[in-house]
């Protein structure tokens, strides 16, 4: 049992020690979900060049947090890249959703915040995301394509071909 525990500890240390940091706008960062027993499901965000753009289950919903804050919340997986080209626009598309009173959802169904013309006036449609659907939305808004077909933070992170 002691050997297994030591081996598991060494594996955890080695994967965290070698998890790369983002270096380019649009890199996707990931870590364990900060809910006991559900860490494996993961949590993702987008690097904007200096901060992590992420969706959290709180009143603000869409945040720009430091990489240290993102990494400090739970076990950090690293940064990946290699999808899309207009990464600045991808980050801007995500950040713009803050203007649409975003709500957090636990489902894989997201809603783009936007203005719609209804009964002679414009009405604000509230944005609704969780972390993986937010990253997917940001990329899809610019590239026109979903990153994954089955939405989970782990699937989204693993859809990026290259690791930092």
N, C-alpha and C. Protein backbone atom coordinates (compact mmCIF):
# COMPACT_ATOMS: atom_id res chain seq x y z
N UNK A 1 0.82 -1.19 0.00
CA UNK A 1 0.00 0.00 0.00
C UNK A 1 0.86 1.25 0.00
N UNK A 2 1.97 1.21 0.73
CA UNK A 2 2.86 2.36 0.80
C UNK A 2 3.47 2.67 -0.56
N UNK A 3 3.83 1.65 -1.33
CA UNK A 3 4.40 1.84 -2.66
C UNK A 3 3.37 2.47 -3.59
N UNK A 4 2.13 2.01 -3.53
CA UNK A 4 1.07 2.57 -4.36
C UNK A 4 0.84 4.04 -4.01
N UNK A 5 0.81 4.34 -2.73
CA UNK A 5 0.60 5.73 -2.31
C UNK A 5 1.75 6.62 -2.77
N UNK A 6 2.98 6.14 -2.62
CA UNK A 6 4.14 6.90 -3.06
C UNK A 6 4.12 7.08 -4.57
N UNK A 7 3.77 6.01 -5.29
CA UNK A 7 3.68 6.10 -6.76
C UNK A 7 2.62 7.09 -7.20
N UNK A 8 1.46 7.04 -6.56
CA UNK A 8 0.39 7.98 -6.89
C UNK A 8 0.81 9.42 -6.60
N UNK A 9 1.50 9.60 -5.48
CA UNK A 9 1.98 10.93 -5.11
C UNK A 9 3.00 11.44 -6.12
N UNK A 10 3.93 10.60 -6.52
CA UNK A 10 4.94 10.99 -7.51
C UNK A 10 4.30 11.33 -8.84
N UNK A 11 3.29 10.56 -9.25
CA UNK A 11 2.58 10.84 -10.50
C UNK A 11 1.90 12.21 -10.43
N UNK A 12 1.21 12.46 -9.32
CA UNK A 12 0.52 13.74 -9.15
C UNK A 12 1.50 14.90 -9.18
N UNK A 13 2.62 14.75 -8.50
CA UNK A 13 3.64 15.81 -8.48
C UNK A 13 4.23 16.01 -9.86
N UNK A 14 4.53 14.92 -10.56
CA UNK A 14 5.17 15.05 -11.87
C UNK A 14 4.24 15.67 -12.90
N UNK A 15 2.95 15.32 -12.87
CA UNK A 15 2.04 15.90 -13.85
C UNK A 15 1.80 17.37 -13.57
N UNK A 16 1.76 17.74 -12.29
CA UNK A 16 1.58 19.15 -11.95
C UNK A 16 2.85 19.94 -12.25
N UNK A 17 4.00 19.35 -11.94
CA UNK A 17 5.28 20.04 -12.14
C UNK A 17 5.54 20.32 -13.61
N UNK A 18 5.07 19.46 -14.49
CA UNK A 18 5.36 19.61 -15.91
C UNK A 18 4.17 20.16 -16.71
N UNK A 19 3.10 20.55 -16.02
CA UNK A 19 1.96 21.15 -16.70
C UNK A 19 2.37 22.54 -17.16
N UNK A 20 2.34 22.76 -18.47
CA UNK A 20 2.82 24.02 -19.02
C UNK A 20 1.87 25.18 -18.82
N UNK A 21 2.44 26.35 -18.78
CA UNK A 21 1.66 27.58 -18.68
C UNK A 21 1.31 28.10 -20.06
N UNK A 22 0.22 28.87 -20.17
CA UNK A 22 -0.13 29.44 -21.47
C UNK A 22 0.91 30.47 -21.91
N UNK A 23 1.15 30.54 -23.20
CA UNK A 23 2.10 31.51 -23.73
C UNK A 23 1.48 32.40 -24.81
N UNK A 24 0.35 32.00 -25.37
CA UNK A 24 -0.26 32.75 -26.46
C UNK A 24 -1.74 32.99 -26.19
N UNK A 25 -2.23 34.13 -26.65
CA UNK A 25 -3.65 34.43 -26.57
C UNK A 25 -4.43 33.28 -27.20
N UNK A 26 -5.48 32.85 -26.54
CA UNK A 26 -6.32 31.77 -27.05
C UNK A 26 -5.96 30.40 -26.53
N UNK A 27 -4.83 30.27 -25.82
CA UNK A 27 -4.52 28.98 -25.19
C UNK A 27 -5.64 28.62 -24.23
N UNK A 28 -5.97 27.35 -24.16
CA UNK A 28 -6.98 26.87 -23.22
C UNK A 28 -6.27 26.24 -22.03
N UNK A 29 -6.62 26.70 -20.84
CA UNK A 29 -6.04 26.18 -19.61
C UNK A 29 -7.09 25.33 -18.90
N UNK A 30 -6.61 24.35 -18.12
CA UNK A 30 -7.55 23.46 -17.43
C UNK A 30 -7.00 23.05 -16.07
N UNK A 31 -7.93 22.69 -15.21
CA UNK A 31 -7.60 22.19 -13.88
C UNK A 31 -8.74 21.30 -13.40
N UNK A 32 -8.53 20.66 -12.26
CA UNK A 32 -9.60 19.89 -11.65
C UNK A 32 -10.76 20.82 -11.29
N UNK A 33 -11.96 20.29 -11.35
CA UNK A 33 -13.12 21.01 -10.85
C UNK A 33 -13.01 21.08 -9.34
N UNK A 34 -13.31 22.23 -8.77
CA UNK A 34 -13.14 22.44 -7.32
C UNK A 34 -14.35 21.95 -6.52
N UNK A 35 -14.85 20.78 -6.86
CA UNK A 35 -15.96 20.17 -6.12
C UNK A 35 -15.52 18.77 -5.72
N UNK A 36 -15.56 18.49 -4.44
CA UNK A 36 -15.10 17.21 -3.92
C UNK A 36 -15.76 16.04 -4.66
N UNK A 37 -14.92 15.13 -5.15
CA UNK A 37 -15.40 13.96 -5.86
C UNK A 37 -15.64 14.16 -7.34
N UNK A 38 -15.62 15.41 -7.80
CA UNK A 38 -15.87 15.70 -9.22
C UNK A 38 -14.68 16.36 -9.91
N UNK A 39 -13.53 16.35 -9.26
CA UNK A 39 -12.35 16.99 -9.83
C UNK A 39 -12.02 16.50 -11.22
N UNK A 40 -12.23 15.21 -11.48
CA UNK A 40 -11.93 14.59 -12.77
C UNK A 40 -12.68 15.27 -13.93
N UNK A 41 -13.85 15.86 -13.65
CA UNK A 41 -14.65 16.48 -14.71
C UNK A 41 -13.94 17.69 -15.31
N UNK A 42 -13.20 18.41 -14.47
CA UNK A 42 -12.39 19.51 -14.95
C UNK A 42 -13.07 20.86 -15.01
N UNK A 43 -12.23 21.86 -15.24
CA UNK A 43 -12.66 23.25 -15.40
C UNK A 43 -11.71 23.89 -16.41
N UNK A 44 -12.24 24.65 -17.36
CA UNK A 44 -11.42 25.25 -18.42
C UNK A 44 -11.63 26.76 -18.50
N UNK A 45 -10.63 27.42 -19.07
CA UNK A 45 -10.70 28.85 -19.33
C UNK A 45 -9.83 29.18 -20.54
N UNK A 46 -9.85 30.45 -20.95
CA UNK A 46 -9.08 30.91 -22.11
C UNK A 46 -8.08 31.97 -21.66
N UNK A 47 -6.85 31.84 -22.09
CA UNK A 47 -5.79 32.81 -21.79
C UNK A 47 -5.95 34.01 -22.71
N UNK A 48 -5.98 35.23 -22.12
CA UNK A 48 -6.13 36.43 -22.94
C UNK A 48 -4.81 37.16 -23.16
N UNK A 49 -3.72 36.56 -22.72
CA UNK A 49 -2.40 37.17 -22.84
C UNK A 49 -1.84 37.60 -21.50
N UNK A 50 -2.74 37.85 -20.54
CA UNK A 50 -2.30 38.21 -19.19
C UNK A 50 -3.18 37.62 -18.09
N UNK A 51 -4.39 37.24 -18.42
CA UNK A 51 -5.33 36.69 -17.43
C UNK A 51 -6.10 35.52 -18.05
N UNK A 52 -6.77 34.77 -17.16
CA UNK A 52 -7.61 33.65 -17.60
C UNK A 52 -9.06 34.12 -17.62
N UNK A 53 -9.68 34.00 -18.78
CA UNK A 53 -11.10 34.29 -18.93
C UNK A 53 -11.84 33.00 -18.60
N UNK A 54 -12.70 33.03 -17.57
CA UNK A 54 -13.37 31.81 -17.14
C UNK A 54 -14.77 32.10 -16.62
N UNK A 55 -15.60 31.06 -16.62
CA UNK A 55 -16.95 31.13 -16.08
C UNK A 55 -16.97 30.42 -14.74
N UNK A 56 -17.49 31.11 -13.73
CA UNK A 56 -17.61 30.54 -12.39
C UNK A 56 -19.06 30.65 -11.92
N UNK A 57 -19.43 29.79 -11.00
CA UNK A 57 -20.78 29.77 -10.47
C UNK A 57 -20.91 30.79 -9.33
N UNK A 58 -20.97 32.08 -9.70
CA UNK A 58 -21.17 33.15 -8.73
C UNK A 58 -21.95 34.28 -9.40
N UNK A 59 -22.10 35.40 -8.73
CA UNK A 59 -22.91 36.50 -9.26
C UNK A 59 -22.34 37.14 -10.52
N UNK A 60 -21.03 37.19 -10.65
CA UNK A 60 -20.40 37.84 -11.81
C UNK A 60 -20.38 36.91 -13.02
N UNK A 61 -20.20 35.64 -12.82
CA UNK A 61 -20.17 34.55 -13.81
C UNK A 61 -18.93 34.59 -14.70
N UNK A 62 -18.76 35.62 -15.53
CA UNK A 62 -17.61 35.69 -16.44
C UNK A 62 -16.52 36.55 -15.79
N UNK A 63 -15.35 35.96 -15.60
CA UNK A 63 -14.25 36.61 -14.88
C UNK A 63 -12.98 36.64 -15.71
N UNK A 64 -12.11 37.59 -15.37
CA UNK A 64 -10.70 37.56 -15.78
C UNK A 64 -9.91 37.43 -14.49
N UNK A 65 -9.26 36.28 -14.30
CA UNK A 65 -8.49 36.01 -13.09
C UNK A 65 -7.03 35.75 -13.44
N UNK A 66 -6.17 35.93 -12.46
CA UNK A 66 -4.76 35.65 -12.68
C UNK A 66 -4.55 34.15 -12.89
N UNK A 67 -3.47 33.82 -13.57
CA UNK A 67 -3.13 32.41 -13.74
C UNK A 67 -2.87 31.77 -12.38
N UNK A 68 -2.24 32.49 -11.48
CA UNK A 68 -1.99 31.97 -10.13
C UNK A 68 -3.28 31.61 -9.42
N UNK A 69 -4.28 32.45 -9.55
CA UNK A 69 -5.59 32.18 -8.94
C UNK A 69 -6.22 30.93 -9.57
N UNK A 70 -6.17 30.84 -10.89
CA UNK A 70 -6.72 29.68 -11.60
C UNK A 70 -6.03 28.41 -11.15
N UNK A 71 -4.70 28.44 -11.14
CA UNK A 71 -3.92 27.26 -10.77
C UNK A 71 -4.07 26.91 -9.29
N UNK A 72 -4.25 27.90 -8.45
CA UNK A 72 -4.33 27.68 -7.01
C UNK A 72 -5.63 27.08 -6.54
N UNK A 73 -6.66 27.09 -7.37
CA UNK A 73 -7.97 26.60 -6.95
C UNK A 73 -8.03 25.08 -6.83
N UNK A 74 -7.23 24.37 -7.63
CA UNK A 74 -7.19 22.90 -7.60
C UNK A 74 -6.04 22.44 -8.49
N UNK A 75 -5.91 21.14 -8.69
CA UNK A 75 -4.79 20.59 -9.47
C UNK A 75 -4.83 21.09 -10.92
N UNK A 76 -3.76 21.72 -11.33
CA UNK A 76 -3.64 22.33 -12.66
C UNK A 76 -3.24 21.26 -13.68
N UNK A 77 -3.93 21.25 -14.83
CA UNK A 77 -3.64 20.28 -15.89
C UNK A 77 -2.64 20.81 -16.91
N UNK A 78 -2.67 22.12 -17.15
CA UNK A 78 -1.77 22.70 -18.13
C UNK A 78 -2.51 23.53 -19.16
N UNK A 79 -1.78 23.89 -20.22
CA UNK A 79 -2.32 24.71 -21.30
C UNK A 79 -2.19 23.95 -22.62
N UNK A 80 -3.20 24.12 -23.47
CA UNK A 80 -3.19 23.49 -24.79
C UNK A 80 -3.53 24.54 -25.85
N UNK A 81 -3.18 24.21 -27.08
CA UNK A 81 -3.42 25.14 -28.19
C UNK A 81 -3.55 24.33 -29.48
N UNK A 82 -3.77 25.06 -30.58
CA UNK A 82 -3.77 24.41 -31.89
C UNK A 82 -5.11 24.38 -32.59
N UNK A 83 -6.07 25.20 -32.17
CA UNK A 83 -7.36 25.27 -32.85
C UNK A 83 -7.66 26.75 -33.14
N UNK A 84 -8.11 27.03 -34.35
CA UNK A 84 -8.45 28.39 -34.71
C UNK A 84 -7.23 29.26 -34.93
N UNK A 85 -7.46 30.47 -35.48
CA UNK A 85 -6.34 31.37 -35.76
C UNK A 85 -6.56 32.78 -35.22
N UNK A 86 -7.78 33.23 -35.12
CA UNK A 86 -8.06 34.62 -34.73
C UNK A 86 -8.32 34.68 -33.22
N UNK A 87 -7.29 34.37 -32.47
CA UNK A 87 -7.44 34.18 -31.03
C UNK A 87 -7.84 35.44 -30.27
N UNK A 88 -7.37 36.59 -30.71
CA UNK A 88 -7.78 37.84 -30.06
C UNK A 88 -9.29 38.05 -30.19
N UNK A 89 -9.83 37.74 -31.36
CA UNK A 89 -11.27 37.87 -31.57
C UNK A 89 -12.04 36.85 -30.74
N UNK A 90 -11.46 35.67 -30.56
CA UNK A 90 -12.09 34.63 -29.74
C UNK A 90 -12.23 35.11 -28.30
N UNK A 91 -11.17 35.68 -27.76
CA UNK A 91 -11.21 36.22 -26.40
C UNK A 91 -12.22 37.36 -26.31
N UNK A 92 -12.22 38.26 -27.30
CA UNK A 92 -13.16 39.38 -27.30
C UNK A 92 -14.61 38.91 -27.35
N UNK A 93 -14.88 37.86 -28.14
CA UNK A 93 -16.24 37.33 -28.23
C UNK A 93 -16.72 36.82 -26.87
N UNK A 94 -15.84 36.14 -26.16
CA UNK A 94 -16.20 35.66 -24.83
C UNK A 94 -16.41 36.80 -23.85
N UNK A 95 -15.48 37.74 -23.81
CA UNK A 95 -15.55 38.84 -22.85
C UNK A 95 -16.79 39.71 -23.10
N UNK A 96 -17.18 39.86 -24.36
CA UNK A 96 -18.35 40.67 -24.71
C UNK A 96 -19.64 40.12 -24.09
N UNK A 97 -19.67 38.84 -23.79
CA UNK A 97 -20.87 38.25 -23.20
C UNK A 97 -21.16 38.78 -21.79
N UNK A 98 -20.19 39.41 -21.16
CA UNK A 98 -20.42 40.03 -19.83
C UNK A 98 -21.50 41.09 -19.89
N UNK A 99 -21.69 41.70 -21.05
CA UNK A 99 -22.69 42.77 -21.21
C UNK A 99 -24.12 42.24 -21.21
N UNK A 100 -24.28 40.94 -21.22
CA UNK A 100 -25.61 40.34 -21.34
C UNK A 100 -26.03 39.60 -20.08
N UNK A 101 -25.71 40.19 -18.92
CA UNK A 101 -26.14 39.67 -17.62
C UNK A 101 -26.03 38.15 -17.53
N UNK A 102 -24.83 37.61 -17.68
CA UNK A 102 -24.69 36.15 -17.76
C UNK A 102 -25.16 35.42 -16.51
N UNK A 103 -25.67 34.24 -16.75
CA UNK A 103 -26.07 33.32 -15.69
C UNK A 103 -25.25 32.05 -15.84
N UNK A 104 -25.06 31.36 -14.73
CA UNK A 104 -24.35 30.08 -14.75
C UNK A 104 -25.37 28.96 -14.92
N UNK A 105 -24.99 27.93 -15.66
CA UNK A 105 -25.83 26.75 -15.79
C UNK A 105 -24.98 25.50 -15.58
N UNK A 106 -25.59 24.45 -15.07
CA UNK A 106 -24.87 23.18 -14.92
C UNK A 106 -25.06 22.29 -16.15
N UNK A 107 -25.95 22.70 -17.05
CA UNK A 107 -26.22 21.88 -18.23
C UNK A 107 -25.28 22.23 -19.38
N UNK A 108 -25.28 21.39 -20.39
CA UNK A 108 -24.45 21.62 -21.58
C UNK A 108 -25.15 22.54 -22.59
N UNK A 109 -26.34 23.02 -22.26
CA UNK A 109 -27.07 23.94 -23.13
C UNK A 109 -26.69 25.37 -22.75
N UNK A 110 -26.16 26.11 -23.72
CA UNK A 110 -25.80 27.50 -23.44
C UNK A 110 -26.67 28.44 -24.26
N UNK A 111 -26.70 29.69 -23.84
CA UNK A 111 -27.44 30.73 -24.55
C UNK A 111 -26.51 31.89 -24.81
N UNK A 112 -26.41 32.29 -26.07
CA UNK A 112 -25.63 33.48 -26.42
C UNK A 112 -26.41 34.71 -25.99
N UNK A 113 -25.75 35.61 -25.28
CA UNK A 113 -26.37 36.88 -24.95
C UNK A 113 -26.41 37.75 -26.20
N UNK A 114 -27.55 38.40 -26.43
CA UNK A 114 -27.68 39.25 -27.62
C UNK A 114 -28.94 40.11 -27.49
N UNK A 115 -29.06 41.05 -28.39
CA UNK A 115 -30.27 41.86 -28.49
C UNK A 115 -31.15 41.28 -29.58
N UNK A 116 -32.45 41.15 -29.31
CA UNK A 116 -33.40 40.68 -30.32
C UNK A 116 -34.53 41.70 -30.43
N UNK A 117 -35.01 41.86 -31.65
CA UNK A 117 -36.13 42.78 -31.88
C UNK A 117 -37.42 42.01 -31.65
N UNK A 118 -38.23 42.53 -30.72
CA UNK A 118 -39.44 41.82 -30.33
C UNK A 118 -40.55 42.83 -30.02
N UNK A 119 -41.67 42.69 -30.69
CA UNK A 119 -42.83 43.56 -30.44
C UNK A 119 -42.49 45.05 -30.49
N UNK A 120 -41.71 45.43 -31.48
CA UNK A 120 -41.41 46.84 -31.70
C UNK A 120 -40.27 47.42 -30.89
N UNK A 121 -39.57 46.59 -30.12
CA UNK A 121 -38.42 47.10 -29.37
C UNK A 121 -37.35 46.02 -29.23
N UNK A 122 -36.17 46.46 -28.84
CA UNK A 122 -35.08 45.51 -28.64
C UNK A 122 -35.09 45.01 -27.20
N UNK A 123 -34.93 43.70 -27.07
CA UNK A 123 -34.94 43.04 -25.77
C UNK A 123 -33.62 42.30 -25.59
N UNK A 124 -33.05 42.42 -24.40
CA UNK A 124 -31.78 41.75 -24.09
C UNK A 124 -32.05 40.29 -23.74
N UNK A 125 -31.37 39.38 -24.45
CA UNK A 125 -31.40 37.96 -24.11
C UNK A 125 -30.19 37.70 -23.22
N UNK A 126 -30.42 37.19 -22.02
CA UNK A 126 -29.33 36.93 -21.09
C UNK A 126 -28.46 35.78 -21.57
N UNK A 127 -27.16 35.94 -21.38
CA UNK A 127 -26.21 34.87 -21.68
C UNK A 127 -26.31 33.81 -20.59
N UNK A 128 -26.03 32.56 -20.96
CA UNK A 128 -26.04 31.47 -19.98
C UNK A 128 -24.97 30.46 -20.39
N UNK A 129 -24.02 30.21 -19.49
CA UNK A 129 -22.89 29.33 -19.79
C UNK A 129 -22.45 28.54 -18.56
N UNK A 130 -21.70 27.48 -18.83
CA UNK A 130 -20.80 26.89 -17.84
C UNK A 130 -19.42 26.97 -18.48
N UNK A 131 -18.36 26.56 -17.81
CA UNK A 131 -17.00 26.84 -18.30
C UNK A 131 -16.73 26.29 -19.70
N UNK A 132 -17.07 25.04 -19.95
CA UNK A 132 -16.75 24.43 -21.25
C UNK A 132 -17.60 24.99 -22.38
N UNK A 133 -18.88 25.26 -22.11
CA UNK A 133 -19.72 25.81 -23.17
C UNK A 133 -19.32 27.25 -23.48
N UNK A 134 -18.79 27.95 -22.48
CA UNK A 134 -18.29 29.31 -22.70
C UNK A 134 -17.07 29.31 -23.61
N UNK A 135 -16.12 28.44 -23.34
CA UNK A 135 -14.93 28.35 -24.20
C UNK A 135 -15.35 27.93 -25.61
N UNK A 136 -16.24 26.94 -25.71
CA UNK A 136 -16.71 26.51 -27.02
C UNK A 136 -17.41 27.66 -27.74
N UNK A 137 -18.30 28.38 -27.06
CA UNK A 137 -19.00 29.51 -27.66
C UNK A 137 -18.00 30.53 -28.21
N UNK A 138 -17.01 30.87 -27.41
CA UNK A 138 -16.03 31.89 -27.81
C UNK A 138 -15.32 31.49 -29.09
N UNK A 139 -14.92 30.24 -29.18
CA UNK A 139 -14.27 29.74 -30.40
C UNK A 139 -15.26 29.66 -31.55
N UNK A 140 -16.45 29.13 -31.29
CA UNK A 140 -17.44 28.95 -32.36
C UNK A 140 -17.89 30.29 -32.94
N UNK A 141 -17.99 31.31 -32.11
CA UNK A 141 -18.43 32.63 -32.58
C UNK A 141 -17.50 33.15 -33.67
N UNK A 142 -16.23 32.79 -33.60
CA UNK A 142 -15.24 33.26 -34.57
C UNK A 142 -14.97 32.23 -35.67
N UNK A 143 -14.87 30.96 -35.30
CA UNK A 143 -14.51 29.93 -36.29
C UNK A 143 -15.71 29.32 -36.99
N UNK A 144 -16.89 29.42 -36.37
CA UNK A 144 -18.10 28.83 -36.94
C UNK A 144 -18.26 27.35 -36.64
N UNK A 145 -17.37 26.78 -35.85
CA UNK A 145 -17.43 25.34 -35.57
C UNK A 145 -17.34 25.05 -34.08
N UNK A 146 -18.11 24.02 -33.64
CA UNK A 146 -17.98 23.54 -32.27
C UNK A 146 -16.63 22.86 -32.10
N UNK A 147 -16.07 22.96 -30.91
CA UNK A 147 -14.81 22.28 -30.60
C UNK A 147 -15.04 20.80 -30.32
N UNK A 148 -16.19 20.47 -29.75
CA UNK A 148 -16.52 19.09 -29.39
C UNK A 148 -17.98 18.83 -29.68
N UNK A 149 -18.36 17.55 -29.70
CA UNK A 149 -19.77 17.20 -29.85
C UNK A 149 -20.39 16.80 -28.52
N UNK A 150 -19.58 16.27 -27.61
CA UNK A 150 -20.04 15.94 -26.26
C UNK A 150 -19.35 16.92 -25.31
N UNK A 151 -20.16 17.77 -24.68
CA UNK A 151 -19.59 18.84 -23.86
C UNK A 151 -19.25 18.37 -22.45
N UNK A 152 -17.97 18.38 -22.16
CA UNK A 152 -17.44 18.30 -20.80
C UNK A 152 -16.15 19.12 -20.83
N UNK A 153 -15.74 19.66 -19.71
CA UNK A 153 -14.48 20.40 -19.70
C UNK A 153 -13.30 19.52 -20.15
N UNK A 154 -13.27 18.27 -19.71
CA UNK A 154 -12.18 17.37 -20.09
C UNK A 154 -12.17 17.13 -21.60
N UNK A 155 -13.33 16.86 -22.20
CA UNK A 155 -13.40 16.65 -23.65
C UNK A 155 -12.94 17.88 -24.41
N UNK A 156 -13.37 19.04 -23.96
CA UNK A 156 -12.98 20.27 -24.64
C UNK A 156 -11.47 20.46 -24.57
N UNK A 157 -10.91 20.32 -23.39
CA UNK A 157 -9.46 20.46 -23.22
C UNK A 157 -8.71 19.46 -24.10
N UNK A 158 -9.17 18.23 -24.10
CA UNK A 158 -8.50 17.19 -24.89
C UNK A 158 -8.68 17.35 -26.39
N UNK A 159 -9.61 18.22 -26.82
CA UNK A 159 -9.80 18.44 -28.26
C UNK A 159 -8.69 19.29 -28.86
N UNK A 160 -7.89 19.93 -28.02
CA UNK A 160 -6.77 20.73 -28.51
C UNK A 160 -5.57 19.82 -28.70
N UNK A 161 -4.95 19.85 -29.88
CA UNK A 161 -3.93 18.85 -30.21
C UNK A 161 -2.55 19.06 -29.59
N UNK A 162 -2.23 20.26 -29.19
CA UNK A 162 -0.85 20.53 -28.75
C UNK A 162 -0.81 21.03 -27.30
N UNK A 163 0.20 20.56 -26.58
CA UNK A 163 0.36 20.89 -25.16
C UNK A 163 1.53 21.85 -24.97
N UNK A 164 1.37 22.82 -24.10
CA UNK A 164 2.45 23.74 -23.76
C UNK A 164 3.39 23.09 -22.77
